[in-house]
Amino acid sequence: MKAILAAAAVSLGILGVVGPVSAQPRPDYDDYGGRGYRDRGDYDYRDRGYRDRDDYRGRANYGFDEREYLRCNPDVRRAVANGQMESGAAHYRVFGRREGRRLSC
């Protein structure tokens, strides 16, 4: 009985060391390095909807009242009028949230 338990303990010990190593890619797998999920050639219709979850391109600014934001922040209104900023929503995403700007007065 002691021999069986000793063999099981040794087997589990070896499996614990070899398991993570065997999950590593082959040495000739270097051509994938540094590319993201979107760079793959098989990014297709099944992946739609996931692309825009973490970035703001192509997304509407739901619940953002730009007119109210510009009314409460006259300096941003001047920057938008002078063409220094694309819009009030763009300013809020880039600077306003971090600066603690109010969305309404």
PDB file of N, CA and C in Angstrom:
ATOM      1  N   MET A   1       0.820  -1.189   0.000  1.00  0.00           N
ATOM      2  CA  MET A   1       0.000   0.000   0.000  1.00  0.00           C
ATOM      3  C   MET A   1       0.869   1.260   0.000  1.00  0.00           C
ATOM      4  N   LYS A   2       1.969   1.200   0.792  1.00  0.00           N
ATOM      5  CA  LYS A   2       2.874   2.339   0.835  1.00  0.00           C
ATOM      6  C   LYS A   2       3.500   2.574  -0.530  1.00  0.00           C
ATOM      7  N   ALA A   3       3.791   1.523  -1.259  1.00  0.00           N
ATOM      8  CA  ALA A   3       4.407   1.642  -2.583  1.00  0.00           C
ATOM      9  C   ALA A   3       3.455   2.312  -3.565  1.00  0.00           C
ATOM     10  N   ILE A   4       2.164   1.981  -3.484  1.00  0.00           N
ATOM     11  CA  ILE A   4       1.182   2.580  -4.397  1.00  0.00           C
ATOM     12  C   ILE A   4       1.027   4.070  -4.094  1.00  0.00           C
ATOM     13  N   LEU A   5       0.942   4.420  -2.819  1.00  0.00           N
ATOM     14  CA  LEU A   5       0.818   5.825  -2.450  1.00  0.00           C
ATOM     15  C   LEU A   5       2.077   6.608  -2.823  1.00  0.00           C
ATOM     16  N   ALA A   6       3.236   6.012  -2.659  1.00  0.00           N
ATOM     17  CA  ALA A   6       4.481   6.674  -3.032  1.00  0.00           C
ATOM     18  C   ALA A   6       4.543   6.891  -4.540  1.00  0.00           C
ATOM     19  N   ALA A   7       4.120   5.882  -5.321  1.00  0.00           N
ATOM     20  CA  ALA A   7       4.114   6.011  -6.778  1.00  0.00           C
ATOM     21  C   ALA A   7       3.124   7.091  -7.215  1.00  0.00           C
ATOM     22  N   ALA A   8       1.963   7.151  -6.549  1.00  0.00           N
ATOM     23  CA  ALA A   8       0.966   8.168  -6.888  1.00  0.00           C
ATOM     24  C   ALA A   8       1.502   9.559  -6.560  1.00  0.00           C
ATOM     25  N   ALA A   9       2.170   9.718  -5.417  1.00  0.00           N
ATOM     26  CA  ALA A   9       2.719  11.011  -5.034  1.00  0.00           C
ATOM     27  C   ALA A   9       3.797  11.454  -6.012  1.00  0.00           C
ATOM     28  N   VAL A  10       4.655  10.553  -6.420  1.00  0.00           N
ATOM     29  CA  VAL A  10       5.709  10.888  -7.379  1.00  0.00           C
ATOM     30  C   VAL A  10       5.091  11.244  -8.727  1.00  0.00           C
ATOM     31  N   SER A  11       4.082  10.499  -9.148  1.00  0.00           N
ATOM     32  CA  SER A  11       3.434  10.776 -10.440  1.00  0.00           C
ATOM     33  C   SER A  11       2.778  12.146 -10.435  1.00  0.00           C
ATOM     34  N   LEU A  12       2.077  12.480  -9.353  1.00  0.00           N
ATOM     35  CA  LEU A  12       1.443  13.794  -9.269  1.00  0.00           C
ATOM     36  C   LEU A  12       2.473  14.918  -9.218  1.00  0.00           C
ATOM     37  N   GLY A  13       3.592  14.655  -8.551  1.00  0.00           N
ATOM     38  CA  GLY A  13       4.661  15.649  -8.503  1.00  0.00           C
ATOM     39  C   GLY A  13       5.247  15.914  -9.878  1.00  0.00           C
ATOM     40  N   ILE A  14       5.493  14.864 -10.617  1.00  0.00           N
ATOM     41  CA  ILE A  14       6.042  15.023 -11.974  1.00  0.00           C
ATOM     42  C   ILE A  14       5.009  15.674 -12.888  1.00  0.00           C
ATOM     43  N   LEU A  15       3.761  15.276 -12.757  1.00  0.00           N
ATOM     44  CA  LEU A  15       2.703  15.850 -13.585  1.00  0.00           C
ATOM     45  C   LEU A  15       2.548  17.345 -13.305  1.00  0.00           C
ATOM     46  N   GLY A  16       2.705  17.759 -12.060  1.00  0.00           N
ATOM     47  CA  GLY A  16       2.607  19.162 -11.706  1.00  0.00           C
ATOM     48  C   GLY A  16       3.721  19.996 -12.313  1.00  0.00           C
ATOM     49  N   VAL A  17       4.887  19.411 -12.508  1.00  0.00           N
ATOM     50  CA  VAL A  17       6.018  20.129 -13.098  1.00  0.00           C
ATOM     51  C   VAL A  17       5.945  20.117 -14.622  1.00  0.00           C
ATOM     52  N   VAL A  18       5.549  19.006 -15.204  1.00  0.00           N
ATOM     53  CA  VAL A  18       5.548  18.846 -16.654  1.00  0.00           C
ATOM     54  C   VAL A  18       4.309  19.476 -17.285  1.00  0.00           C
ATOM     55  N   GLY A  19       3.185  19.524 -16.578  1.00  0.00           N
ATOM     56  CA  GLY A  19       1.940  20.039 -17.140  1.00  0.00           C
ATOM     57  C   GLY A  19       2.056  21.444 -17.685  1.00  0.00           C
ATOM     58  N   PRO A  20       2.508  22.426 -16.896  1.00  0.00           N
ATOM     59  CA  PRO A  20       2.620  23.788 -17.430  1.00  0.00           C
ATOM     60  C   PRO A  20       3.631  23.918 -18.562  1.00  0.00           C
ATOM     61  N   VAL A  21       4.674  23.129 -18.533  1.00  0.00           N
ATOM     62  CA  VAL A  21       5.684  23.200 -19.586  1.00  0.00           C
ATOM     63  C   VAL A  21       5.126  22.678 -20.896  1.00  0.00           C
ATOM     64  N   SER A  22       4.308  21.651 -20.845  1.00  0.00           N
ATOM     65  CA  SER A  22       3.771  21.089 -22.074  1.00  0.00           C
ATOM     66  C   SER A  22       2.725  22.000 -22.706  1.00  0.00           C
ATOM     67  N   ALA A  23       2.233  22.987 -21.966  1.00  0.00           N
ATOM     68  CA  ALA A  23       1.255  23.920 -22.519  1.00  0.00           C
ATOM     69  C   ALA A  23       1.911  25.045 -23.300  1.00  0.00           C
ATOM     70  N   GLN A  24       3.226  25.143 -23.290  1.00  0.00           N
ATOM     71  CA  GLN A  24       3.927  26.196 -24.011  1.00  0.00           C
ATOM     72  C   GLN A  24       3.937  25.896 -25.511  1.00  0.00           C
ATOM     73  N   PRO A  25       3.969  26.940 -26.346  1.00  0.00           N
ATOM     74  CA  PRO A  25       3.970  26.715 -27.793  1.00  0.00           C
ATOM     75  C   PRO A  25       5.288  26.120 -28.275  1.00  0.00           C
ATOM     76  N   ARG A  26       5.217  25.601 -29.475  1.00  0.00           N
ATOM     77  CA  ARG A  26       6.413  25.013 -30.099  1.00  0.00           C
ATOM     78  C   ARG A  26       7.431  26.108 -30.401  1.00  0.00           C
ATOM     79  N   PRO A  27       8.699  25.762 -30.546  1.00  0.00           N
ATOM     80  CA  PRO A  27       9.728  26.771 -30.863  1.00  0.00           C
ATOM     81  C   PRO A  27       9.492  27.498 -32.187  1.00  0.00           C
ATOM     82  N   ASP A  28       8.831  26.850 -33.148  1.00  0.00           N
ATOM     83  CA  ASP A  28       8.592  27.495 -34.435  1.00  0.00           C
ATOM     84  C   ASP A  28       7.305  28.324 -34.436  1.00  0.00           C
ATOM     85  N   TYR A  29       6.792  28.630 -33.281  1.00  0.00           N
ATOM     86  CA  TYR A  29       5.540  29.362 -33.139  1.00  0.00           C
ATOM     87  C   TYR A  29       5.779  30.862 -32.982  1.00  0.00           C
ATOM     88  N   ASP A  30       6.964  31.344 -33.285  1.00  0.00           N
ATOM     89  CA  ASP A  30       7.327  32.743 -33.069  1.00  0.00           C
ATOM     90  C   ASP A  30       6.597  33.704 -34.004  1.00  0.00           C
ATOM     91  N   ASP A  31       6.054  33.221 -35.099  1.00  0.00           N
ATOM     92  CA  ASP A  31       5.432  34.127 -36.050  1.00  0.00           C
ATOM     93  C   ASP A  31       4.140  34.742 -35.509  1.00  0.00           C
ATOM     94  N   TYR A  32       3.623  34.298 -34.382  1.00  0.00           N
ATOM     95  CA  TYR A  32       2.401  34.881 -33.827  1.00  0.00           C
ATOM     96  C   TYR A  32       2.693  36.037 -32.881  1.00  0.00           C
ATOM     97  N   GLY A  33       3.855  36.126 -32.331  1.00  0.00           N
ATOM     98  CA  GLY A  33       4.160  37.065 -31.264  1.00  0.00           C
ATOM     99  C   GLY A  33       3.816  38.513 -31.563  1.00  0.00           C
ATOM    100  N   GLY A  34       3.246  39.195 -30.571  1.00  0.00           N
ATOM    101  CA  GLY A  34       2.990  40.609 -30.663  1.00  0.00           C
ATOM    102  C   GLY A  34       1.716  41.013 -31.366  1.00  0.00           C
ATOM    103  N   ARG A  35       0.951  40.088 -31.886  1.00  0.00           N
ATOM    104  CA  ARG A  35      -0.272  40.455 -32.584  1.00  0.00           C
ATOM    105  C   ARG A  35      -1.468  40.294 -31.665  1.00  0.00           C
ATOM    106  N   GLY A  36      -2.417  41.148 -31.837  1.00  0.00           N
ATOM    107  CA  GLY A  36      -3.618  41.103 -31.029  1.00  0.00           C
ATOM    108  C   GLY A  36      -4.708  40.267 -31.676  1.00  0.00           C
ATOM    109  N   TYR A  37      -5.812  40.178 -30.988  1.00  0.00           N
ATOM    110  CA  TYR A  37      -6.940  39.379 -31.439  1.00  0.00           C
ATOM    111  C   TYR A  37      -7.489  39.875 -32.765  1.00  0.00           C
ATOM    112  N   ARG A  38      -7.528  41.190 -32.943  1.00  0.00           N
ATOM    113  CA  ARG A  38      -8.111  41.748 -34.158  1.00  0.00           C
ATOM    114  C   ARG A  38      -7.216  41.587 -35.376  1.00  0.00           C
ATOM    115  N   ASP A  39      -5.960  41.265 -35.179  1.00  0.00           N
ATOM    116  CA  ASP A  39      -5.038  41.121 -36.293  1.00  0.00           C
ATOM    117  C   ASP A  39      -5.114  39.742 -36.943  1.00  0.00           C
ATOM    118  N   ARG A  40      -5.860  38.860 -36.341  1.00  0.00           N
ATOM    119  CA  ARG A  40      -5.965  37.518 -36.911  1.00  0.00           C
ATOM    120  C   ARG A  40      -6.757  37.567 -38.198  1.00  0.00           C
ATOM    121  N   GLY A  41      -6.494  36.641 -39.075  1.00  0.00           N
ATOM    122  CA  GLY A  41      -7.213  36.591 -40.340  1.00  0.00           C
ATOM    123  C   GLY A  41      -8.617  36.031 -40.206  1.00  0.00           C
ATOM    124  N   ASP A  42      -8.921  35.364 -39.117  1.00  0.00           N
ATOM    125  CA  ASP A  42     -10.239  34.745 -38.976  1.00  0.00           C
ATOM    126  C   ASP A  42     -11.199  35.572 -38.142  1.00  0.00           C
ATOM    127  N   TYR A  43     -10.977  36.870 -38.071  1.00  0.00           N
ATOM    128  CA  TYR A  43     -11.897  37.770 -37.364  1.00  0.00           C
ATOM    129  C   TYR A  43     -13.083  37.980 -38.296  1.00  0.00           C
ATOM    130  N   ASP A  44     -14.194  37.382 -37.998  1.00  0.00           N
ATOM    131  CA  ASP A  44     -15.312  37.411 -38.939  1.00  0.00           C
ATOM    132  C   ASP A  44     -16.619  37.780 -38.257  1.00  0.00           C
ATOM    133  N   TYR A  45     -17.698  37.478 -38.910  1.00  0.00           N
ATOM    134  CA  TYR A  45     -19.010  37.891 -38.427  1.00  0.00           C
ATOM    135  C   TYR A  45     -19.344  37.347 -37.050  1.00  0.00           C
ATOM    136  N   ARG A  46     -18.777  36.227 -36.660  1.00  0.00           N
ATOM    137  CA  ARG A  46     -19.083  35.663 -35.347  1.00  0.00           C
ATOM    138  C   ARG A  46     -18.540  36.533 -34.230  1.00  0.00           C
ATOM    139  N   ASP A  47     -17.568  37.371 -34.540  1.00  0.00           N
ATOM    140  CA  ASP A  47     -16.949  38.218 -33.541  1.00  0.00           C
ATOM    141  C   ASP A  47     -17.571  39.609 -33.479  1.00  0.00           C
ATOM    142  N   ARG A  48     -18.570  39.874 -34.278  1.00  0.00           N
ATOM    143  CA  ARG A  48     -19.180  41.206 -34.281  1.00  0.00           C
ATOM    144  C   ARG A  48     -19.760  41.514 -32.915  1.00  0.00           C
ATOM    145  N   GLY A  49     -19.679  42.774 -32.552  1.00  0.00           N
ATOM    146  CA  GLY A  49     -20.207  43.198 -31.270  1.00  0.00           C
ATOM    147  C   GLY A  49     -19.150  43.236 -30.194  1.00  0.00           C
ATOM    148  N   TYR A  50     -18.110  42.456 -30.316  1.00  0.00           N
ATOM    149  CA  TYR A  50     -17.057  42.462 -29.316  1.00  0.00           C
ATOM    150  C   TYR A  50     -15.999  43.505 -29.628  1.00  0.00           C
ATOM    151  N   ARG A  51     -15.893  43.899 -30.868  1.00  0.00           N
ATOM    152  CA  ARG A  51     -14.838  44.814 -31.276  1.00  0.00           C
ATOM    153  C   ARG A  51     -14.951  46.165 -30.586  1.00  0.00           C
ATOM    154  N   ASP A  52     -16.149  46.695 -30.450  1.00  0.00           N
ATOM    155  CA  ASP A  52     -16.315  48.052 -29.946  1.00  0.00           C
ATOM    156  C   ASP A  52     -16.602  48.120 -28.455  1.00  0.00           C
ATOM    157  N   ARG A  53     -16.489  47.058 -27.750  1.00  0.00           N
ATOM    158  CA  ARG A  53     -16.814  47.108 -26.331  1.00  0.00           C
ATOM    159  C   ARG A  53     -15.803  47.896 -25.525  1.00  0.00           C
ATOM    160  N   ASP A  54     -14.549  47.874 -25.922  1.00  0.00           N
ATOM    161  CA  ASP A  54     -13.547  48.544 -25.112  1.00  0.00           C
ATOM    162  C   ASP A  54     -13.039  49.844 -25.703  1.00  0.00           C
ATOM    163  N   ASP A  55     -13.520  50.247 -26.844  1.00  0.00           N
ATOM    164  CA  ASP A  55     -13.101  51.529 -27.395  1.00  0.00           C
ATOM    165  C   ASP A  55     -14.326  52.329 -27.795  1.00  0.00           C
ATOM    166  N   TYR A  56     -14.142  53.599 -28.057  1.00  0.00           N
ATOM    167  CA  TYR A  56     -15.267  54.482 -28.300  1.00  0.00           C
ATOM    168  C   TYR A  56     -15.522  54.738 -29.773  1.00  0.00           C
ATOM    169  N   ARG A  57     -14.665  54.235 -30.662  1.00  0.00           N
ATOM    170  CA  ARG A  57     -14.895  54.448 -32.083  1.00  0.00           C
ATOM    171  C   ARG A  57     -16.132  53.673 -32.521  1.00  0.00           C
ATOM    172  N   GLY A  58     -17.035  54.348 -33.193  1.00  0.00           N
ATOM    173  CA  GLY A  58     -18.218  53.686 -33.699  1.00  0.00           C
ATOM    174  C   GLY A  58     -19.338  53.554 -32.690  1.00  0.00           C
ATOM    175  N   ARG A  59     -19.129  54.013 -31.478  1.00  0.00           N
ATOM    176  CA  ARG A  59     -20.173  53.911 -30.458  1.00  0.00           C
ATOM    177  C   ARG A  59     -20.843  55.255 -30.275  1.00  0.00           C
ATOM    178  N   ALA A  60     -22.126  55.211 -30.075  1.00  0.00           N
ATOM    179  CA  ALA A  60     -22.839  56.435 -29.749  1.00  0.00           C
ATOM    180  C   ALA A  60     -22.591  56.754 -28.276  1.00  0.00           C
ATOM    181  N   ASN A  61     -22.725  58.013 -27.943  1.00  0.00           N
ATOM    182  CA  ASN A  61     -22.527  58.441 -26.559  1.00  0.00           C
ATOM    183  C   ASN A  61     -23.872  58.415 -25.846  1.00  0.00           C
ATOM    184  N   TYR A  62     -24.320  57.249 -25.504  1.00  0.00           N
ATOM    185  CA  TYR A  62     -25.623  57.081 -24.879  1.00  0.00           C
ATOM    186  C   TYR A  62     -25.660  57.800 -23.540  1.00  0.00           C
ATOM    187  N   GLY A  63     -26.700  58.585 -23.346  1.00  0.00           N
ATOM    188  CA  GLY A  63     -26.894  59.264 -22.080  1.00  0.00           C
ATOM    189  C   GLY A  63     -26.027  60.501 -21.889  1.00  0.00           C
ATOM    190  N   PHE A  64     -25.297  60.914 -22.888  1.00  0.00           N
ATOM    191  CA  PHE A  64     -24.440  62.090 -22.770  1.00  0.00           C
ATOM    192  C   PHE A  64     -25.132  63.266 -23.443  1.00  0.00           C
ATOM    193  N   ASP A  65     -25.415  64.300 -22.683  1.00  0.00           N
ATOM    194  CA  ASP A  65     -26.055  65.502 -23.209  1.00  0.00           C
ATOM    195  C   ASP A  65     -24.963  66.538 -23.474  1.00  0.00           C
ATOM    196  N   GLU A  66     -24.556  66.609 -24.722  1.00  0.00           N
ATOM    197  CA  GLU A  66     -23.432  67.488 -25.071  1.00  0.00           C
ATOM    198  C   GLU A  66     -23.769  68.959 -24.855  1.00  0.00           C
ATOM    199  N   ARG A  67     -24.989  69.344 -25.163  1.00  0.00           N
ATOM    200  CA  ARG A  67     -25.369  70.743 -24.988  1.00  0.00           C
ATOM    201  C   ARG A  67     -25.271  71.159 -23.511  1.00  0.00           C
ATOM    202  N   GLU A  68     -25.712  70.283 -22.610  1.00  0.00           N
ATOM    203  CA  GLU A  68     -25.626  70.568 -21.176  1.00  0.00           C
ATOM    204  C   GLU A  68     -24.167  70.600 -20.712  1.00  0.00           C
ATOM    205  N   TYR A  69     -23.357  69.678 -21.213  1.00  0.00           N
ATOM    206  CA  TYR A  69     -21.935  69.635 -20.846  1.00  0.00           C
ATOM    207  C   TYR A  69     -21.232  70.917 -21.286  1.00  0.00           C
ATOM    208  N   LEU A  70     -21.521  71.379 -22.491  1.00  0.00           N
ATOM    209  CA  LEU A  70     -20.899  72.608 -22.987  1.00  0.00           C
ATOM    210  C   LEU A  70     -21.429  73.829 -22.247  1.00  0.00           C
ATOM    211  N   ARG A  71     -22.688  73.794 -21.821  1.00  0.00           N
ATOM    212  CA  ARG A  71     -23.241  74.908 -21.054  1.00  0.00           C
ATOM    213  C   ARG A  71     -22.573  75.023 -19.692  1.00  0.00           C
ATOM    214  N   CYS A  72     -22.259  73.888 -19.084  1.00  0.00           N
ATOM    215  CA  CYS A  72     -21.641  73.881 -17.752  1.00  0.00           C
ATOM    216  C   CYS A  72     -20.134  74.132 -17.803  1.00  0.00           C
ATOM    217  N   ASN A  73     -19.530  73.947 -18.950  1.00  0.00           N
ATOM    218  CA  ASN A  73     -18.077  74.092 -19.092  1.00  0.00           C
ATOM    219  C   ASN A  73     -17.782  75.065 -20.239  1.00  0.00           C
ATOM    220  N   PRO A  74     -17.798  76.364 -19.958  1.00  0.00           N
ATOM    221  CA  PRO A  74     -17.609  77.346 -21.036  1.00  0.00           C
ATOM    222  C   PRO A  74     -16.240  77.269 -21.700  1.00  0.00           C
ATOM    223  N   ASP A  75     -15.226  76.843 -20.975  1.00  0.00           N
ATOM    224  CA  ASP A  75     -13.903  76.724 -21.605  1.00  0.00           C
ATOM    225  C   ASP A  75     -13.901  75.623 -22.657  1.00  0.00           C
ATOM    226  N   VAL A  76     -14.616  74.555 -22.402  1.00  0.00           N
ATOM    227  CA  VAL A  76     -14.727  73.476 -23.392  1.00  0.00           C
ATOM    228  C   VAL A  76     -15.545  73.967 -24.580  1.00  0.00           C
ATOM    229  N   ARG A  77     -16.597  74.727 -24.314  1.00  0.00           N
ATOM    230  CA  ARG A  77     -17.420  75.284 -25.391  1.00  0.00           C
ATOM    231  C   ARG A  77     -16.573  76.145 -26.312  1.00  0.00           C
ATOM    232  N   ARG A  78     -15.688  76.979 -25.734  1.00  0.00           N
ATOM    233  CA  ARG A  78     -14.799  77.815 -26.560  1.00  0.00           C
ATOM    234  C   ARG A  78     -13.830  76.952 -27.368  1.00  0.00           C
ATOM    235  N   ALA A  79     -13.303  75.903 -26.760  1.00  0.00           N
ATOM    236  CA  ALA A  79     -12.363  75.021 -27.472  1.00  0.00           C
ATOM    237  C   ALA A  79     -13.041  74.329 -28.647  1.00  0.00           C
ATOM    238  N   VAL A  80     -14.290  73.912 -28.462  1.00  0.00           N
ATOM    239  CA  VAL A  80     -15.029  73.277 -29.558  1.00  0.00           C
ATOM    240  C   VAL A  80     -15.331  74.304 -30.648  1.00  0.00           C
ATOM    241  N   ALA A  81     -15.727  75.507 -30.248  1.00  0.00           N
ATOM    242  CA  ALA A  81     -16.038  76.564 -31.223  1.00  0.00           C
ATOM    243  C   ALA A  81     -14.800  76.964 -32.021  1.00  0.00           C
ATOM    244  N   ASN A  82     -13.629  76.957 -31.392  1.00  0.00           N
ATOM    245  CA  ASN A  82     -12.383  77.329 -32.078  1.00  0.00           C
ATOM    246  C   ASN A  82     -11.773  76.185 -32.867  1.00  0.00           C
ATOM    247  N   GLY A  83     -12.371  75.001 -32.778  1.00  0.00           N
ATOM    248  CA  GLY A  83     -11.860  73.849 -33.517  1.00  0.00           C
ATOM    249  C   GLY A  83     -10.709  73.139 -32.829  1.00  0.00           C
ATOM    250  N   GLN A  84     -10.437  73.469 -31.572  1.00  0.00           N
ATOM    251  CA  GLN A  84      -9.358  72.808 -30.842  1.00  0.00           C
ATOM    252  C   GLN A  84      -9.771  71.424 -30.355  1.00  0.00           C
ATOM    253  N   MET A  85     -11.070  71.211 -30.190  1.00  0.00           N
ATOM    254  CA  MET A  85     -11.613  69.925 -29.749  1.00  0.00           C
ATOM    255  C   MET A  85     -12.706  69.519 -30.711  1.00  0.00           C
ATOM    256  N   GLU A  86     -12.810  68.248 -30.980  1.00  0.00           N
ATOM    257  CA  GLU A  86     -13.798  67.737 -31.933  1.00  0.00           C
ATOM    258  C   GLU A  86     -15.221  67.971 -31.444  1.00  0.00           C
ATOM    259  N   SER A  87     -15.468  67.637 -30.181  1.00  0.00           N
ATOM    260  CA  SER A  87     -16.804  67.798 -29.613  1.00  0.00           C
ATOM    261  C   SER A  87     -16.701  67.773 -28.090  1.00  0.00           C
ATOM    262  N   GLY A  88     -17.803  68.093 -27.446  1.00  0.00           N
ATOM    263  CA  GLY A  88     -17.844  68.015 -25.994  1.00  0.00           C
ATOM    264  C   GLY A  88     -17.709  66.582 -25.506  1.00  0.00           C
ATOM    265  N   ALA A  89     -18.304  65.645 -26.243  1.00  0.00           N
ATOM    266  CA  ALA A  89     -18.206  64.232 -25.864  1.00  0.00           C
ATOM    267  C   ALA A  89     -16.759  63.750 -25.957  1.00  0.00           C
ATOM    268  N   ALA A  90     -16.050  64.160 -26.998  1.00  0.00           N
ATOM    269  CA  ALA A  90     -14.644  63.773 -27.132  1.00  0.00           C
ATOM    270  C   ALA A  90     -13.821  64.357 -25.990  1.00  0.00           C
ATOM    271  N   HIS A  91     -14.101  65.598 -25.621  1.00  0.00           N
ATOM    272  CA  HIS A  91     -13.378  66.206 -24.508  1.00  0.00           C
ATOM    273  C   HIS A  91     -13.634  65.452 -23.214  1.00  0.00           C
ATOM    274  N   TYR A  92     -14.883  65.083 -22.984  1.00  0.00           N
ATOM    275  CA  TYR A  92     -15.205  64.377 -21.736  1.00  0.00           C
ATOM    276  C   TYR A  92     -14.502  63.020 -21.677  1.00  0.00           C
ATOM    277  N   ARG A  93     -14.478  62.298 -22.797  1.00  0.00           N
ATOM    278  CA  ARG A  93     -13.816  60.986 -22.809  1.00  0.00           C
ATOM    279  C   ARG A  93     -12.322  61.112 -22.552  1.00  0.00           C
ATOM    280  N   VAL A  94     -11.692  62.120 -23.170  1.00  0.00           N
ATOM    281  CA  VAL A  94     -10.241  62.245 -23.080  1.00  0.00           C
ATOM    282  C   VAL A  94      -9.797  62.938 -21.792  1.00  0.00           C
ATOM    283  N   PHE A  95     -10.456  64.046 -21.445  1.00  0.00           N
ATOM    284  CA  PHE A  95      -9.998  64.850 -20.313  1.00  0.00           C
ATOM    285  C   PHE A  95     -11.017  64.992 -19.185  1.00  0.00           C
ATOM    286  N   GLY A  96     -12.274  65.219 -19.555  1.00  0.00           N
ATOM    287  CA  GLY A  96     -13.287  65.609 -18.585  1.00  0.00           C
ATOM    288  C   GLY A  96     -13.516  64.628 -17.457  1.00  0.00           C
ATOM    289  N   ARG A  97     -13.580  63.362 -17.763  1.00  0.00           N
ATOM    290  CA  ARG A  97     -13.807  62.365 -16.716  1.00  0.00           C
ATOM    291  C   ARG A  97     -12.665  62.369 -15.715  1.00  0.00           C
ATOM    292  N   ARG A  98     -11.448  62.433 -16.229  1.00  0.00           N
ATOM    293  CA  ARG A  98     -10.270  62.430 -15.359  1.00  0.00           C
ATOM    294  C   ARG A  98     -10.183  63.713 -14.528  1.00  0.00           C
ATOM    295  N   GLU A  99     -10.614  64.822 -15.107  1.00  0.00           N
ATOM    296  CA  GLU A  99     -10.574  66.102 -14.400  1.00  0.00           C
ATOM    297  C   GLU A  99     -11.728  66.258 -13.421  1.00  0.00           C
ATOM    298  N   GLY A 100     -12.699  65.368 -13.475  1.00  0.00           N
ATOM    299  CA  GLY A 100     -13.851  65.461 -12.583  1.00  0.00           C
ATOM    300  C   GLY A 100     -14.860  66.502 -13.025  1.00  0.00           C
ATOM    301  N   ARG A 101     -14.955  66.737 -14.332  1.00  0.00           N
ATOM    302  CA  ARG A 101     -15.895  67.724 -14.852  1.00  0.00           C
ATOM    303  C   ARG A 101     -17.326  67.259 -14.624  1.00  0.00           C
ATOM    304  N   ARG A 102     -18.193  68.212 -14.376  1.00  0.00           N
ATOM    305  CA  ARG A 102     -19.611  67.908 -14.148  1.00  0.00           C
ATOM    306  C   ARG A 102     -20.318  67.736 -15.480  1.00  0.00           C
ATOM    307  N   LEU A 103     -21.247  66.791 -15.531  1.00  0.00           N
ATOM    308  CA  LEU A 103     -22.031  66.572 -16.738  1.00  0.00           C
ATOM    309  C   LEU A 103     -23.229  67.494 -16.803  1.00  0.00           C
ATOM    310  N   SER A 104     -23.668  67.993 -15.641  1.00  0.00           N
ATOM    311  CA  SER A 104     -24.793  68.928 -15.618  1.00  0.00           C
ATOM    312  C   SER A 104     -24.572  69.936 -14.492  1.00  0.00           C
ATOM    313  N   CYS A 105     -25.168  71.108 -14.656  1.00  0.00           N
ATOM    314  CA  CYS A 105     -25.004  72.170 -13.671  1.00  0.00           C
ATOM    315  C   CYS A 105     -26.100  72.123 -12.620  1.00  0.00           C
TER     316      CYS A 105
END
